[in-house]
Amino acid sequence: MFVGALELDVLLGDVHSLKGKRSMVRPILAELRRFGVSATEAGHQDLHRRALLGVASAGPDARHVTDILDRCERLVAARPELQLLAARRRIFGPED
């Protein structure tokens, strides 16, 4: 079994409050979950224009996990209301 973790550091567009941030982040997380992953806001909770999104996936081989995380990253990068600042990824396998 392989487990993949993806951190997406994003800059949100026209957001002026934490409430506005939540209303922008919540639909993104729901879209990510349609890929069968676990997704959450994992950092920058006190900043209203930044968000750190965490995504995790498990699968039978590294290629499958990598494909899913690639799709998640592309989905977030394609959102016009935000800018993807950084993406960090780790894949854990049987030897880790």
PDB file of N, CA and C in Angstrom:
ATOM      1  N   MET A   1       0.843  -1.175   0.000  1.00  0.00           N
ATOM      2  CA  MET A   1       0.000   0.000   0.000  1.00  0.00           C
ATOM      3  C   MET A   1       0.889   1.240   0.000  1.00  0.00           C
ATOM      4  N   PHE A   2       0.450   2.267  -0.710  1.00  0.00           N
ATOM      5  CA  PHE A   2       1.152   3.536  -0.775  1.00  0.00           C
ATOM      6  C   PHE A   2       0.218   4.639  -0.303  1.00  0.00           C
ATOM      7  N   VAL A   3       0.778   5.602   0.408  1.00  0.00           N
ATOM      8  CA  VAL A   3       0.022   6.744   0.909  1.00  0.00           C
ATOM      9  C   VAL A   3       0.707   8.003   0.393  1.00  0.00           C
ATOM     10  N   GLY A   4      -0.083   8.923  -0.129  1.00  0.00           N
ATOM     11  CA  GLY A   4       0.453  10.181  -0.629  1.00  0.00           C
ATOM     12  C   GLY A   4      -0.126  11.353   0.132  1.00  0.00           C
ATOM     13  N   ALA A   5       0.711  12.346   0.390  1.00  0.00           N
ATOM     14  CA  ALA A   5       0.292  13.569   1.052  1.00  0.00           C
ATOM     15  C   ALA A   5       0.672  14.747   0.169  1.00  0.00           C
ATOM     16  N   LEU A   6      -0.235  15.688   0.025  1.00  0.00           N
ATOM     17  CA  LEU A   6      -0.034  16.862  -0.808  1.00  0.00           C
ATOM     18  C   LEU A   6      -0.412  18.097  -0.010  1.00  0.00           C
ATOM     19  N   GLU A   7       0.496  19.070   0.048  1.00  0.00           N
ATOM     20  CA  GLU A   7       0.227  20.364   0.676  1.00  0.00           C
ATOM     21  C   GLU A   7       0.158  21.410  -0.414  1.00  0.00           C
ATOM     22  N   LEU A   8      -0.916  22.165  -0.424  1.00  0.00           N
ATOM     23  CA  LEU A   8      -1.105  23.211  -1.419  1.00  0.00           C
ATOM     24  C   LEU A   8      -1.217  24.552  -0.703  1.00  0.00           C
ATOM     25  N   ASP A   9      -0.239  25.405  -0.912  1.00  0.00           N
ATOM     26  CA  ASP A   9      -0.231  26.731  -0.312  1.00  0.00           C
ATOM     27  C   ASP A   9      -0.834  27.687  -1.331  1.00  0.00           C
ATOM     28  N   VAL A  10      -1.960  28.300  -0.988  1.00  0.00           N
ATOM     29  CA  VAL A  10      -2.677  29.139  -1.943  1.00  0.00           C
ATOM     30  C   VAL A  10      -2.880  30.550  -1.409  1.00  0.00           C
ATOM     31  N   LEU A  11      -2.905  31.492  -2.330  1.00  0.00           N
ATOM     32  CA  LEU A  11      -3.224  32.886  -2.046  1.00  0.00           C
ATOM     33  C   LEU A  11      -4.607  33.134  -2.619  1.00  0.00           C
ATOM     34  N   LEU A  12      -5.527  33.540  -1.764  1.00  0.00           N
ATOM     35  CA  LEU A  12      -6.899  33.755  -2.185  1.00  0.00           C
ATOM     36  C   LEU A  12      -7.057  35.161  -2.752  1.00  0.00           C
ATOM     37  N   GLY A  13      -7.957  35.314  -3.679  1.00  0.00           N
ATOM     38  CA  GLY A  13      -8.170  36.588  -4.353  1.00  0.00           C
ATOM     39  C   GLY A  13      -8.857  37.614  -3.474  1.00  0.00           C
ATOM     40  N   ASP A  14     -10.026  38.020  -3.852  1.00  0.00           N
ATOM     41  CA  ASP A  14     -10.762  39.117  -3.217  1.00  0.00           C
ATOM     42  C   ASP A  14     -11.476  38.644  -1.951  1.00  0.00           C
ATOM     43  N   VAL A  15     -10.702  38.456  -0.883  1.00  0.00           N
ATOM     44  CA  VAL A  15     -11.249  38.005   0.400  1.00  0.00           C
ATOM     45  C   VAL A  15     -10.850  39.022   1.453  1.00  0.00           C
ATOM     46  N   HIS A  16     -11.824  39.436   2.274  1.00  0.00           N
ATOM     47  CA  HIS A  16     -11.558  40.481   3.262  1.00  0.00           C
ATOM     48  C   HIS A  16     -11.835  40.041   4.690  1.00  0.00           C
ATOM     49  N   SER A  17     -12.189  38.778   4.894  1.00  0.00           N
ATOM     50  CA  SER A  17     -12.477  38.300   6.252  1.00  0.00           C
ATOM     51  C   SER A  17     -12.265  36.790   6.307  1.00  0.00           C
ATOM     52  N   LEU A  18     -12.184  36.276   7.521  1.00  0.00           N
ATOM     53  CA  LEU A  18     -12.064  34.827   7.685  1.00  0.00           C
ATOM     54  C   LEU A  18     -13.338  34.125   7.233  1.00  0.00           C
ATOM     55  N   LYS A  19     -14.479  34.787   7.417  1.00  0.00           N
ATOM     56  CA  LYS A  19     -15.746  34.209   6.955  1.00  0.00           C
ATOM     57  C   LYS A  19     -15.752  34.097   5.425  1.00  0.00           C
ATOM     58  N   GLY A  20     -15.251  35.112   4.733  1.00  0.00           N
ATOM     59  CA  GLY A  20     -15.139  35.063   3.283  1.00  0.00           C
ATOM     60  C   GLY A  20     -14.179  33.981   2.829  1.00  0.00           C
ATOM     61  N   LYS A  21     -13.101  33.814   3.596  1.00  0.00           N
ATOM     62  CA  LYS A  21     -12.129  32.758   3.290  1.00  0.00           C
ATOM     63  C   LYS A  21     -12.788  31.386   3.371  1.00  0.00           C
ATOM     64  N   ARG A  22     -13.533  31.147   4.450  1.00  0.00           N
ATOM     65  CA  ARG A  22     -14.209  29.853   4.603  1.00  0.00           C
ATOM     66  C   ARG A  22     -15.168  29.584   3.450  1.00  0.00           C
ATOM     67  N   SER A  23     -15.880  30.633   3.010  1.00  0.00           N
ATOM     68  CA  SER A  23     -16.837  30.424   1.923  1.00  0.00           C
ATOM     69  C   SER A  23     -16.138  30.140   0.594  1.00  0.00           C
ATOM     70  N   MET A  24     -14.866  30.486   0.484  1.00  0.00           N
ATOM     71  CA  MET A  24     -14.107  30.181  -0.727  1.00  0.00           C
ATOM     72  C   MET A  24     -13.417  28.814  -0.626  1.00  0.00           C
ATOM     73  N   VAL A  25     -12.921  28.476   0.548  1.00  0.00           N
ATOM     74  CA  VAL A  25     -12.161  27.237   0.729  1.00  0.00           C
ATOM     75  C   VAL A  25     -13.077  26.013   0.784  1.00  0.00           C
ATOM     76  N   ARG A  26     -14.227  26.141   1.415  1.00  0.00           N
ATOM     77  CA  ARG A  26     -15.125  24.996   1.594  1.00  0.00           C
ATOM     78  C   ARG A  26     -15.512  24.317   0.275  1.00  0.00           C
ATOM     79  N   PRO A  27     -15.905  25.052  -0.776  1.00  0.00           N
ATOM     80  CA  PRO A  27     -16.240  24.380  -2.046  1.00  0.00           C
ATOM     81  C   PRO A  27     -15.034  23.715  -2.717  1.00  0.00           C
ATOM     82  N   ILE A  28     -13.850  24.289  -2.537  1.00  0.00           N
ATOM     83  CA  ILE A  28     -12.649  23.683  -3.112  1.00  0.00           C
ATOM     84  C   ILE A  28     -12.392  22.332  -2.454  1.00  0.00           C
ATOM     85  N   LEU A  29     -12.514  22.283  -1.131  1.00  0.00           N
ATOM     86  CA  LEU A  29     -12.315  21.020  -0.419  1.00  0.00           C
ATOM     87  C   LEU A  29     -13.353  19.982  -0.843  1.00  0.00           C
ATOM     88  N   ALA A  30     -14.591  20.410  -1.040  1.00  0.00           N
ATOM     89  CA  ALA A  30     -15.645  19.485  -1.487  1.00  0.00           C
ATOM     90  C   ALA A  30     -15.318  18.931  -2.875  1.00  0.00           C
ATOM     91  N   GLU A  31     -14.807  19.770  -3.763  1.00  0.00           N
ATOM     92  CA  GLU A  31     -14.423  19.300  -5.103  1.00  0.00           C
ATOM     93  C   GLU A  31     -13.283  18.297  -5.027  1.00  0.00           C
ATOM     94  N   LEU A  32     -12.298  18.579  -4.183  1.00  0.00           N
ATOM     95  CA  LEU A  32     -11.174  17.657  -4.027  1.00  0.00           C
ATOM     96  C   LEU A  32     -11.646  16.296  -3.528  1.00  0.00           C
ATOM     97  N   ARG A  33     -12.590  16.287  -2.613  1.00  0.00           N
ATOM     98  CA  ARG A  33     -13.069  15.020  -2.027  1.00  0.00           C
ATOM     99  C   ARG A  33     -13.765  14.128  -3.053  1.00  0.00           C
ATOM    100  N   ARG A  34     -14.188  14.703  -4.164  1.00  0.00           N
ATOM    101  CA  ARG A  34     -14.804  13.869  -5.210  1.00  0.00           C
ATOM    102  C   ARG A  34     -13.798  12.921  -5.850  1.00  0.00           C
ATOM    103  N   PHE A  35     -12.496  13.176  -5.657  1.00  0.00           N
ATOM    104  CA  PHE A  35     -11.458  12.264  -6.146  1.00  0.00           C
ATOM    105  C   PHE A  35     -11.227  11.111  -5.178  1.00  0.00           C
ATOM    106  N   GLY A  36     -11.977  11.041  -4.091  1.00  0.00           N
ATOM    107  CA  GLY A  36     -11.810   9.971  -3.115  1.00  0.00           C
ATOM    108  C   GLY A  36     -10.645  10.196  -2.169  1.00  0.00           C
ATOM    109  N   VAL A  37     -10.290  11.448  -1.953  1.00  0.00           N
ATOM    110  CA  VAL A  37      -9.184  11.783  -1.061  1.00  0.00           C
ATOM    111  C   VAL A  37      -9.725  12.398   0.224  1.00  0.00           C
ATOM    112  N   SER A  38      -8.872  12.495   1.197  1.00  0.00           N
ATOM    113  CA  SER A  38      -9.169  13.261   2.395  1.00  0.00           C
ATOM    114  C   SER A  38      -8.579  14.648   2.177  1.00  0.00           C
ATOM    115  N   ALA A  39      -9.368  15.692   2.406  1.00  0.00           N
ATOM    116  CA  ALA A  39      -8.902  17.059   2.168  1.00  0.00           C
ATOM    117  C   ALA A  39      -9.362  17.957   3.306  1.00  0.00           C
ATOM    118  N   THR A  40      -8.455  18.840   3.737  1.00  0.00           N
ATOM    119  CA  THR A  40      -8.774  19.754   4.833  1.00  0.00           C
ATOM    120  C   THR A  40      -7.945  21.016   4.719  1.00  0.00           C
ATOM    121  N   GLU A  41      -8.383  22.062   5.407  1.00  0.00           N
ATOM    122  CA  GLU A  41      -7.557  23.254   5.554  1.00  0.00           C
ATOM    123  C   GLU A  41      -6.593  22.966   6.690  1.00  0.00           C
ATOM    124  N   ALA A  42      -5.311  22.902   6.392  1.00  0.00           N
ATOM    125  CA  ALA A  42      -4.320  22.405   7.345  1.00  0.00           C
ATOM    126  C   ALA A  42      -3.416  23.485   7.924  1.00  0.00           C
ATOM    127  N   GLY A  43      -3.584  24.721   7.499  1.00  0.00           N
ATOM    128  CA  GLY A  43      -2.719  25.775   8.021  1.00  0.00           C
ATOM    129  C   GLY A  43      -3.173  27.146   7.580  1.00  0.00           C
ATOM    130  N   HIS A  44      -2.531  28.164   8.131  1.00  0.00           N
ATOM    131  CA  HIS A  44      -2.842  29.565   7.858  1.00  0.00           C
ATOM    132  C   HIS A  44      -4.285  29.904   8.239  1.00  0.00           C
ATOM    133  N   GLN A  45      -4.822  29.270   9.277  1.00  0.00           N
ATOM    134  CA  GLN A  45      -6.209  29.532   9.656  1.00  0.00           C
ATOM    135  C   GLN A  45      -6.445  30.968  10.121  1.00  0.00           C
ATOM    136  N   ASP A  46      -5.408  31.634  10.606  1.00  0.00           N
ATOM    137  CA  ASP A  46      -5.591  32.993  11.116  1.00  0.00           C
ATOM    138  C   ASP A  46      -5.364  34.069  10.052  1.00  0.00           C
ATOM    139  N   LEU A  47      -4.975  33.694   8.845  1.00  0.00           N
ATOM    140  CA  LEU A  47      -4.768  34.641   7.753  1.00  0.00           C
ATOM    141  C   LEU A  47      -5.950  34.576   6.789  1.00  0.00           C
ATOM    142  N   HIS A  48      -6.511  35.718   6.435  1.00  0.00           N
ATOM    143  CA  HIS A  48      -7.723  35.674   5.609  1.00  0.00           C
ATOM    144  C   HIS A  48      -7.447  35.559   4.110  1.00  0.00           C
ATOM    145  N   ARG A  49      -6.216  35.768   3.642  1.00  0.00           N
ATOM    146  CA  ARG A  49      -5.941  35.638   2.209  1.00  0.00           C
ATOM    147  C   ARG A  49      -5.057  34.448   1.864  1.00  0.00           C
ATOM    148  N   ARG A  50      -4.651  33.663   2.840  1.00  0.00           N
ATOM    149  CA  ARG A  50      -3.811  32.486   2.593  1.00  0.00           C
ATOM    150  C   ARG A  50      -4.504  31.252   3.141  1.00  0.00           C
ATOM    151  N   ALA A  51      -4.241  30.141   2.501  1.00  0.00           N
ATOM    152  CA  ALA A  51      -4.756  28.856   2.985  1.00  0.00           C
ATOM    153  C   ALA A  51      -3.741  27.776   2.648  1.00  0.00           C
ATOM    154  N   LEU A  52      -3.595  26.853   3.556  1.00  0.00           N
ATOM    155  CA  LEU A  52      -2.777  25.672   3.322  1.00  0.00           C
ATOM    156  C   LEU A  52      -3.734  24.495   3.291  1.00  0.00           C
ATOM    157  N   LEU A  53      -3.892  23.907   2.123  1.00  0.00           N
ATOM    158  CA  LEU A  53      -4.800  22.781   1.950  1.00  0.00           C
ATOM    159  C   LEU A  53      -4.008  21.489   2.014  1.00  0.00           C
ATOM    160  N   GLY A  54      -4.500  20.538   2.781  1.00  0.00           N
ATOM    161  CA  GLY A  54      -3.865  19.234   2.888  1.00  0.00           C
ATOM    162  C   GLY A  54      -4.718  18.177   2.218  1.00  0.00           C
ATOM    163  N   VAL A  55      -4.078  17.336   1.417  1.00  0.00           N
ATOM    164  CA  VAL A  55      -4.773  16.271   0.691  1.00  0.00           C
ATOM    165  C   VAL A  55      -4.021  14.973   0.947  1.00  0.00           C
ATOM    166  N   ALA A  56      -4.748  13.902   1.225  1.00  0.00           N
ATOM    167  CA  ALA A  56      -4.130  12.591   1.437  1.00  0.00           C
ATOM    168  C   ALA A  56      -4.892  11.536   0.646  1.00  0.00           C
ATOM    169  N   SER A  57      -4.124  10.566   0.120  1.00  0.00           N
ATOM    170  CA  SER A  57      -4.713   9.488  -0.672  1.00  0.00           C
ATOM    171  C   SER A  57      -3.942   8.202  -0.421  1.00  0.00           C
ATOM    172  N   ALA A  58      -4.632   7.097  -0.490  1.00  0.00           N
ATOM    173  CA  ALA A  58      -3.995   5.785  -0.351  1.00  0.00           C
ATOM    174  C   ALA A  58      -4.369   4.940  -1.565  1.00  0.00           C
ATOM    175  N   GLY A  59      -3.434   4.063  -1.968  1.00  0.00           N
ATOM    176  CA  GLY A  59      -3.703   3.222  -3.124  1.00  0.00           C
ATOM    177  C   GLY A  59      -2.760   2.042  -3.193  1.00  0.00           C
ATOM    178  N   PRO A  60      -3.009   1.149  -4.139  1.00  0.00           N
ATOM    179  CA  PRO A  60      -2.225  -0.080  -4.236  1.00  0.00           C
ATOM    180  C   PRO A  60      -0.811   0.108  -4.773  1.00  0.00           C
ATOM    181  N   ASP A  61      -0.595   1.193  -5.529  1.00  0.00           N
ATOM    182  CA  ASP A  61       0.752   1.437  -6.066  1.00  0.00           C
ATOM    183  C   ASP A  61       1.019   2.936  -6.134  1.00  0.00           C
ATOM    184  N   ALA A  62       2.297   3.275  -6.261  1.00  0.00           N
ATOM    185  CA  ALA A  62       2.707   4.674  -6.252  1.00  0.00           C
ATOM    186  C   ALA A  62       2.144   5.437  -7.454  1.00  0.00           C
ATOM    187  N   ARG A  63       2.041   4.796  -8.584  1.00  0.00           N
ATOM    188  CA  ARG A  63       1.522   5.466  -9.785  1.00  0.00           C
ATOM    189  C   ARG A  63       0.080   5.922  -9.587  1.00  0.00           C
ATOM    190  N   HIS A  64      -0.742   5.069  -8.996  1.00  0.00           N
ATOM    191  CA  HIS A  64      -2.141   5.420  -8.749  1.00  0.00           C
ATOM    192  C   HIS A  64      -2.240   6.628  -7.816  1.00  0.00           C
ATOM    193  N   VAL A  65      -1.491   6.608  -6.731  1.00  0.00           N
ATOM    194  CA  VAL A  65      -1.511   7.711  -5.768  1.00  0.00           C
ATOM    195  C   VAL A  65      -1.000   8.992  -6.425  1.00  0.00           C
ATOM    196  N   THR A  66       0.059   8.894  -7.205  1.00  0.00           N
ATOM    197  CA  THR A  66       0.616  10.059  -7.894  1.00  0.00           C
ATOM    198  C   THR A  66      -0.396  10.650  -8.871  1.00  0.00           C
ATOM    199  N   ASP A  67      -1.102   9.808  -9.614  1.00  0.00           N
ATOM    200  CA  ASP A  67      -2.118  10.285 -10.556  1.00  0.00           C
ATOM    201  C   ASP A  67      -3.219  11.062  -9.846  1.00  0.00           C
ATOM    202  N   ILE A  68      -3.679  10.547  -8.729  1.00  0.00           N
ATOM    203  CA  ILE A  68      -4.740  11.220  -7.976  1.00  0.00           C
ATOM    204  C   ILE A  68      -4.252  12.568  -7.448  1.00  0.00           C
ATOM    205  N   LEU A  69      -3.054  12.599  -6.882  1.00  0.00           N
ATOM    206  CA  LEU A  69      -2.530  13.856  -6.358  1.00  0.00           C
ATOM    207  C   LEU A  69      -2.277  14.855  -7.479  1.00  0.00           C
ATOM    208  N   ASP A  70      -1.860  14.380  -8.649  1.00  0.00           N
ATOM    209  CA  ASP A  70      -1.696  15.267  -9.810  1.00  0.00           C
ATOM    210  C   ASP A  70      -3.020  15.924 -10.189  1.00  0.00           C
ATOM    211  N   ARG A  71      -4.091  15.125 -10.205  1.00  0.00           N
ATOM    212  CA  ARG A  71      -5.412  15.667 -10.544  1.00  0.00           C
ATOM    213  C   ARG A  71      -5.860  16.717  -9.527  1.00  0.00           C
ATOM    214  N   CYS A  72      -5.582  16.447  -8.252  1.00  0.00           N
ATOM    215  CA  CYS A  72      -5.942  17.407  -7.206  1.00  0.00           C
ATOM    216  C   CYS A  72      -5.175  18.713  -7.372  1.00  0.00           C
ATOM    217  N   GLU A  73      -3.896  18.609  -7.653  1.00  0.00           N
ATOM    218  CA  GLU A  73      -3.083  19.815  -7.835  1.00  0.00           C
ATOM    219  C   GLU A  73      -3.547  20.613  -9.050  1.00  0.00           C
ATOM    220  N   ARG A  74      -3.847  19.934 -10.145  1.00  0.00           N
ATOM    221  CA  ARG A  74      -4.329  20.626 -11.347  1.00  0.00           C
ATOM    222  C   ARG A  74      -5.664  21.322 -11.100  1.00  0.00           C
ATOM    223  N   LEU A  75      -6.543  20.667 -10.337  1.00  0.00           N
ATOM    224  CA  LEU A  75      -7.844  21.255 -10.042  1.00  0.00           C
ATOM    225  C   LEU A  75      -7.677  22.570  -9.279  1.00  0.00           C
ATOM    226  N   VAL A  76      -6.828  22.584  -8.272  1.00  0.00           N
ATOM    227  CA  VAL A  76      -6.615  23.796  -7.471  1.00  0.00           C
ATOM    228  C   VAL A  76      -5.903  24.856  -8.316  1.00  0.00           C
ATOM    229  N   ALA A  77      -4.910  24.461  -9.095  1.00  0.00           N
ATOM    230  CA  ALA A  77      -4.167  25.425  -9.917  1.00  0.00           C
ATOM    231  C   ALA A  77      -5.051  26.079 -10.973  1.00  0.00           C
ATOM    232  N   ALA A  78      -6.093  25.400 -11.411  1.00  0.00           N
ATOM    233  CA  ALA A  78      -6.971  25.924 -12.453  1.00  0.00           C
ATOM    234  C   ALA A  78      -8.030  26.884 -11.916  1.00  0.00           C
ATOM    235  N   ARG A  79      -8.158  27.004 -10.610  1.00  0.00           N
ATOM    236  CA  ARG A  79      -9.176  27.891 -10.028  1.00  0.00           C
ATOM    237  C   ARG A  79      -8.783  29.350 -10.260  1.00  0.00           C
ATOM    238  N   PRO A  80      -9.631  30.137 -10.910  1.00  0.00           N
ATOM    239  CA  PRO A  80      -9.262  31.522 -11.224  1.00  0.00           C
ATOM    240  C   PRO A  80      -9.259  32.454 -10.014  1.00  0.00           C
ATOM    241  N   GLU A  81      -9.960  32.094  -8.947  1.00  0.00           N
ATOM    242  CA  GLU A  81     -10.070  32.984  -7.795  1.00  0.00           C
ATOM    243  C   GLU A  81      -8.914  32.856  -6.802  1.00  0.00           C
ATOM    244  N   LEU A  82      -7.944  32.009  -7.117  1.00  0.00           N
ATOM    245  CA  LEU A  82      -6.802  31.853  -6.225  1.00  0.00           C
ATOM    246  C   LEU A  82      -5.533  31.639  -7.029  1.00  0.00           C
ATOM    247  N   GLN A  83      -4.410  31.770  -6.328  1.00  0.00           N
ATOM    248  CA  GLN A  83      -3.100  31.541  -6.949  1.00  0.00           C
ATOM    249  C   GLN A  83      -2.394  30.458  -6.153  1.00  0.00           C
ATOM    250  N   LEU A  84      -1.957  29.414  -6.828  1.00  0.00           N
ATOM    251  CA  LEU A  84      -1.205  28.341  -6.185  1.00  0.00           C
ATOM    252  C   LEU A  84       0.232  28.809  -6.015  1.00  0.00           C
ATOM    253  N   LEU A  85       0.660  28.998  -4.752  1.00  0.00           N
ATOM    254  CA  LEU A  85       2.008  29.484  -4.465  1.00  0.00           C
ATOM    255  C   LEU A  85       3.019  28.352  -4.410  1.00  0.00           C
ATOM    256  N   ALA A  86       2.629  27.217  -3.836  1.00  0.00           N
ATOM    257  CA  ALA A  86       3.553  26.090  -3.701  1.00  0.00           C
ATOM    258  C   ALA A  86       2.757  24.799  -3.538  1.00  0.00           C
ATOM    259  N   ALA A  87       3.360  23.725  -4.003  1.00  0.00           N
ATOM    260  CA  ALA A  87       2.788  22.388  -3.831  1.00  0.00           C
ATOM    261  C   ALA A  87       3.913  21.466  -3.369  1.00  0.00           C
ATOM    262  N   ARG A  88       3.700  20.817  -2.250  1.00  0.00           N
ATOM    263  CA  ARG A  88       4.673  19.865  -1.721  1.00  0.00           C
ATOM    264  C   ARG A  88       4.005  18.498  -1.619  1.00  0.00           C
ATOM    265  N   ARG A  89       4.761  17.469  -1.999  1.00  0.00           N
ATOM    266  CA  ARG A  89       4.182  16.133  -2.074  1.00  0.00           C
ATOM    267  C   ARG A  89       5.143  15.112  -1.473  1.00  0.00           C
ATOM    268  N   ARG A  90       4.559  14.124  -0.801  1.00  0.00           N
ATOM    269  CA  ARG A  90       5.347  12.988  -0.305  1.00  0.00           C
ATOM    270  C   ARG A  90       4.552  11.719  -0.566  1.00  0.00           C
ATOM    271  N   ILE A  91       5.255  10.700  -0.968  1.00  0.00           N
ATOM    272  CA  ILE A  91       4.674   9.375  -1.167  1.00  0.00           C
ATOM    273  C   ILE A  91       5.367   8.419  -0.202  1.00  0.00           C
ATOM    274  N   PHE A  92       4.575   7.703   0.574  1.00  0.00           N
ATOM    275  CA  PHE A  92       5.108   6.735   1.533  1.00  0.00           C
ATOM    276  C   PHE A  92       4.752   5.333   1.036  1.00  0.00           C
ATOM    277  N   GLY A  93       5.762   4.469   0.987  1.00  0.00           N
ATOM    278  CA  GLY A  93       5.549   3.103   0.523  1.00  0.00           C
ATOM    279  C   GLY A  93       5.815   2.090   1.615  1.00  0.00           C
ATOM    280  N   PRO A  94       5.828   0.807   1.259  1.00  0.00           N
ATOM    281  CA  PRO A  94       6.008  -0.252   2.246  1.00  0.00           C
ATOM    282  C   PRO A  94       7.336  -0.184   2.992  1.00  0.00           C
ATOM    283  N   GLU A  95       8.364   0.380   2.379  1.00  0.00           N
ATOM    284  CA  GLU A  95       9.677   0.428   3.043  1.00  0.00           C
ATOM    285  C   GLU A  95       9.831   1.633   3.964  1.00  0.00           C
ATOM    286  N   ASP A  96       8.887   2.570   3.939  1.00  0.00           N
ATOM    287  CA  ASP A  96       9.011   3.791   4.753  1.00  0.00           C
ATOM    288  C   ASP A  96       8.555   3.589   6.180  1.00  0.00           C
TER     289      ASP A  96
END
